Amino acid sequence: MNDAVQSFLDYLRDNWPELLWIVLAAGVASYAASRRARVRWKQHDFLDRLNVTLTTIQDGGLRIRTILEMDCEQIFLNSAAAKTIVNLARKTTEQDPLLPIPAADSWQFLNAVLNEISERFAAGQIKRDLGLPVQRGEYVLCLTCERAGDIRTQKVRGMLVLKSLLTSLPKEEPAYESPHHVTRWKTLQQIALQFQKQPERFIEMEICL
C-alpha cells in the first residue's frame, strides 16, 4: 500500500465522526430543500421569481403579456434584497396588492427592475439618439403580488402600464382573454388610485422602439 493511500485511510480513521456529520447534514439539507420545492410546487408559490408583464387595454379587451421573468436574486443582485422583496410580497392583501416597500427603499428596488426592462429596449434609445424614427411611450412600473381571485401562481409581479392608461382607466369593465384575468382588472383599478395617492410606490420610465 503506497503512502498516499495509507495517509487517506489514516485521515478517515481519525476524522470519521466529523466526516459522518458533514454527510448527514448535507443529506438532511438536500431532503429539506427537495421537500420545500415540492410543497411550493403544489401550492403554486414562486415568490422568488419576478415576472414583469405589460398590461394594457386594446379594442375593449384586457391584454397581459410577459416582458421578462427572472429569479429575484438575478434582478436585485443581492440575496438580502431578494429575500426582502419576497417577505414584502407575503404582506400584500386582496385590498392592496402593491408591495409595502418602505418609501426610503422604493426607488432602489424599482430602479433595479427598470434597468432590466430598459436593457431589453436599449436599441430604441440608440435609434432615437441617431435621429431615426422611433415611437416612444411613457410607462409606469410598480411591484405587486396579487391575492384576490383565482391566481394560478404566486409571484412578485412588476406591472408595466402606459401612464396615459393608468391615469384614465375606462369605467367599463373590459373583455378578458381568460376568466381569471378579472383579478388584473381589479389590480389596475387599485394601483390607479394608489398612483395618485402614493406616487413614491411607482417609477416612471420611457420606452422607445
Protein backbone atom coordinates (compact mmCIF):
# COMPACT_ATOMS: atom_id res chain seq x y z
CA MET A 1 0.00 0.00 0.00
CA ASN A 2 1.52 3.32 -1.05
CA ASP A 3 1.94 6.29 1.25
CA ALA A 4 -0.91 8.32 -0.30
CA VAL A 5 -3.49 5.59 0.29
CA GLN A 6 -2.24 4.98 3.81
CA SER A 7 -2.43 8.70 4.60
CA PHE A 8 -6.01 8.81 3.31
CA LEU A 9 -7.04 5.82 5.44
CA ASP A 10 -5.38 7.36 8.48
CA TYR A 11 -7.30 10.60 7.85
CA LEU A 12 -10.60 8.72 7.62
CA ARG A 13 -9.88 6.81 10.83
CA ASP A 14 -9.01 9.95 12.76
CA ASN A 15 -11.82 12.16 11.41
CA TRP A 16 -14.72 9.82 10.69
CA PRO A 17 -17.11 11.41 13.25
CA GLU A 18 -16.77 14.85 11.64
CA LEU A 19 -17.00 13.41 8.14
CA LEU A 20 -20.11 11.43 9.05
CA TRP A 21 -21.70 14.57 10.49
CA ILE A 22 -20.96 16.50 7.27
CA VAL A 23 -22.52 13.76 5.14
CA LEU A 24 -25.62 13.58 7.36
CA ALA A 25 -26.02 17.37 7.42
CA ALA A 26 -25.73 17.55 3.64
CA GLY A 27 -28.30 14.79 3.28
CA VAL A 28 -30.77 16.49 5.62
CA ALA A 29 -30.30 19.83 3.86
CA SER A 30 -30.85 18.22 0.47
CA TYR A 31 -34.01 16.47 1.69
CA ALA A 32 -35.37 19.66 3.25
CA ALA A 33 -34.73 21.66 0.08
CA SER A 34 -36.40 18.99 -2.03
CA ARG A 35 -39.41 18.89 0.30
CA ARG A 36 -39.76 22.68 0.23
CA ALA A 37 -39.63 22.63 -3.56
CA ARG A 38 -42.41 20.00 -3.71
CA VAL A 39 -44.58 21.96 -1.29
CA ARG A 40 -44.07 25.18 -3.23
CA TRP A 41 -44.93 23.45 -6.48
CA LYS A 42 -48.18 22.08 -5.04
CA GLN A 43 -49.05 25.48 -3.58
CA HIS A 44 -48.01 27.35 -6.76
CA ASP A 45 -45.73 29.50 -4.63
CA PHE A 46 -42.93 31.02 -6.71
CA LEU A 47 -42.33 34.27 -4.87
CA ASP A 48 -38.60 34.08 -5.55
CA ARG A 49 -39.44 34.76 -9.22
CA LEU A 50 -40.19 38.24 -10.57
CA ASN A 51 -42.48 38.39 -13.58
CA VAL A 52 -42.82 41.68 -15.46
CA THR A 53 -45.98 42.00 -17.53
CA LEU A 54 -47.20 44.63 -19.92
CA THR A 55 -50.82 45.25 -19.00
CA THR A 56 -52.95 47.20 -21.45
CA ILE A 57 -56.47 47.60 -22.80
CA GLN A 58 -56.89 47.41 -26.57
CA ASP A 59 -60.16 47.36 -28.51
CA GLY A 60 -62.06 46.97 -25.27
CA GLY A 61 -60.06 43.92 -24.19
CA LEU A 62 -57.56 43.45 -21.37
CA ARG A 63 -54.19 42.22 -22.63
CA ILE A 64 -51.47 40.78 -20.37
CA ARG A 65 -48.10 39.96 -21.95
CA THR A 66 -44.88 38.87 -20.27
CA ILE A 67 -41.86 41.13 -20.84
CA LEU A 68 -39.41 39.17 -18.70
CA GLU A 69 -39.24 36.68 -15.86
CA MET A 70 -36.16 36.11 -13.70
CA ASP A 71 -35.14 34.99 -10.24
CA CYS A 72 -35.31 37.88 -7.78
CA GLU A 73 -31.61 37.49 -6.98
CA GLN A 74 -30.75 37.99 -10.65
CA ILE A 75 -32.58 41.30 -10.70
CA PHE A 76 -31.69 42.75 -7.31
CA LEU A 77 -28.15 41.27 -7.34
CA ASN A 78 -28.21 40.74 -3.60
CA SER A 79 -29.63 37.80 -1.66
CA ALA A 80 -30.70 40.03 1.25
CA ALA A 81 -32.56 42.40 -1.09
CA ALA A 82 -34.22 39.48 -2.86
CA LYS A 83 -35.31 38.00 0.47
CA THR A 84 -36.72 41.39 1.49
CA ILE A 85 -38.83 41.51 -1.67
CA VAL A 86 -40.18 38.00 -1.03
CA ASN A 87 -41.07 38.90 2.55
CA LEU A 88 -42.81 42.08 1.39
CA ALA A 89 -44.75 40.11 -1.20
CA ARG A 90 -46.14 37.90 1.55
CA LYS A 91 -47.56 41.01 3.25
CA THR A 92 -49.76 42.10 0.35
CA THR A 93 -53.50 41.82 0.70
CA GLU A 94 -56.53 41.45 -1.52
CA GLN A 95 -57.30 45.13 -0.91
CA ASP A 96 -53.74 46.34 -1.57
CA PRO A 97 -51.66 44.18 -3.97
CA LEU A 98 -48.72 46.62 -4.05
CA LEU A 99 -45.65 45.50 -2.15
CA PRO A 100 -45.38 47.65 1.02
CA ILE A 101 -41.84 48.79 0.25
CA PRO A 102 -40.60 51.48 2.66
CA ALA A 103 -40.50 54.86 0.94
CA ALA A 104 -36.76 55.19 1.55
CA ASP A 105 -36.08 51.94 -0.33
CA SER A 106 -38.73 52.16 -3.04
CA TRP A 107 -36.62 53.81 -5.75
CA GLN A 108 -33.73 51.38 -5.30
CA PHE A 109 -35.91 48.29 -5.73
CA LEU A 110 -37.98 49.72 -8.58
CA ASN A 111 -34.94 51.06 -10.40
CA ALA A 112 -33.37 47.58 -10.41
CA VAL A 113 -36.41 46.25 -12.28
CA LEU A 114 -36.47 49.30 -14.56
CA ASN A 115 -32.85 48.63 -15.55
CA GLU A 116 -33.71 45.06 -16.61
CA ILE A 117 -36.57 46.32 -18.76
CA SER A 118 -34.53 49.18 -20.22
CA GLU A 119 -31.79 46.78 -21.30
CA ARG A 120 -34.29 44.92 -23.46
CA PHE A 121 -35.35 48.12 -25.23
CA ALA A 122 -31.93 49.78 -25.48
CA ALA A 123 -31.95 49.68 -29.29
CA GLY A 124 -34.82 52.15 -29.33
CA GLN A 125 -32.81 54.70 -27.37
CA ILE A 126 -29.84 54.34 -29.75
CA LYS A 127 -32.13 54.83 -32.75
CA ARG A 128 -33.58 57.91 -31.15
CA ASP A 129 -30.11 59.28 -30.42
CA LEU A 130 -29.18 58.77 -34.08
CA GLY A 131 -32.21 60.71 -35.21
CA LEU A 132 -34.00 57.66 -36.61
CA PRO A 133 -37.79 57.48 -36.46
CA VAL A 134 -38.99 55.84 -33.25
CA GLN A 135 -42.18 55.56 -31.29
CA ARG A 136 -41.95 56.38 -27.61
CA GLY A 137 -44.22 55.73 -24.69
CA GLU A 138 -44.28 56.83 -21.06
CA TYR A 139 -44.85 53.89 -18.74
CA VAL A 140 -45.40 53.38 -15.04
CA LEU A 141 -43.91 50.43 -13.16
CA CYS A 142 -44.86 49.04 -9.76
CA LEU A 143 -44.32 45.79 -7.87
CA THR A 144 -47.32 43.70 -6.85
CA CYS A 145 -48.32 40.32 -5.53
CA GLU A 146 -51.98 39.72 -6.27
CA ARG A 147 -54.04 37.86 -3.68
CA ALA A 148 -57.57 38.29 -4.97
CA GLY A 149 -59.45 35.93 -7.23
CA ASP A 150 -58.24 32.79 -8.95
CA ILE A 151 -54.48 33.35 -9.13
CA ARG A 152 -52.73 30.35 -10.65
CA THR A 153 -49.27 31.09 -9.30
CA GLN A 154 -47.94 33.36 -6.57
CA LYS A 155 -45.15 35.53 -7.97
CA VAL A 156 -43.81 39.00 -7.47
CA ARG A 157 -45.16 40.87 -10.49
CA GLY A 158 -43.78 44.01 -12.00
CA MET A 159 -46.75 45.69 -13.66
CA LEU A 160 -45.82 47.88 -16.63
CA VAL A 161 -48.65 50.14 -17.71
CA LEU A 162 -48.88 53.11 -20.04
CA LYS A 163 -49.10 56.22 -17.88
CA SER A 164 -51.94 57.58 -20.01
CA LEU A 165 -53.93 54.39 -19.36
CA LEU A 166 -53.25 54.33 -15.62
CA THR A 167 -54.34 57.94 -15.22
CA SER A 168 -57.53 57.49 -17.24
CA LEU A 169 -58.82 53.95 -16.89
CA PRO A 170 -62.08 53.28 -18.72
CA LYS A 171 -65.07 52.98 -16.41
CA GLU A 172 -66.49 49.99 -18.23
CA GLU A 173 -65.13 46.53 -17.47
CA PRO A 174 -63.01 45.18 -20.35
CA ALA A 175 -63.34 41.82 -22.06
CA TYR A 176 -60.98 39.12 -20.80
CA GLU A 177 -58.84 36.64 -22.68
CA SER A 178 -59.19 34.36 -19.66
CA PRO A 179 -61.78 34.47 -16.84
CA HIS A 180 -59.14 34.77 -14.09
CA HIS A 181 -57.86 37.99 -15.69
CA VAL A 182 -60.64 39.78 -13.83
CA THR A 183 -58.13 39.93 -10.97
CA ARG A 184 -55.77 42.02 -13.09
CA TRP A 185 -58.56 44.46 -13.90
CA LYS A 186 -59.20 44.89 -10.18
CA THR A 187 -55.47 45.35 -9.62
CA LEU A 188 -55.35 48.01 -12.32
CA GLN A 189 -58.14 49.90 -10.59
CA GLN A 190 -56.39 49.62 -7.23
CA ILE A 191 -52.99 50.78 -8.43
CA ALA A 192 -54.54 53.64 -10.43
CA LEU A 193 -55.85 55.01 -7.14
CA GLN A 194 -52.53 54.39 -5.39
CA PHE A 195 -50.62 56.15 -8.18
CA GLN A 196 -52.50 59.32 -7.35
CA LYS A 197 -52.17 58.94 -3.56
CA GLN A 198 -48.67 57.44 -3.20
CA PRO A 199 -46.61 58.06 -6.34
CA GLU A 200 -43.44 57.05 -4.46
CA ARG A 201 -44.57 53.43 -4.78
CA PHE A 202 -44.13 53.72 -8.56
CA ILE A 203 -41.39 54.60 -11.01
CA GLU A 204 -41.85 56.13 -14.44
CA MET A 205 -39.85 55.16 -17.49
CA GLU A 206 -39.66 55.90 -21.20
CA ILE A 207 -39.56 53.15 -23.81
CA CYS A 208 -38.60 53.77 -27.43
CA LEU A 209 -38.99 51.42 -30.37
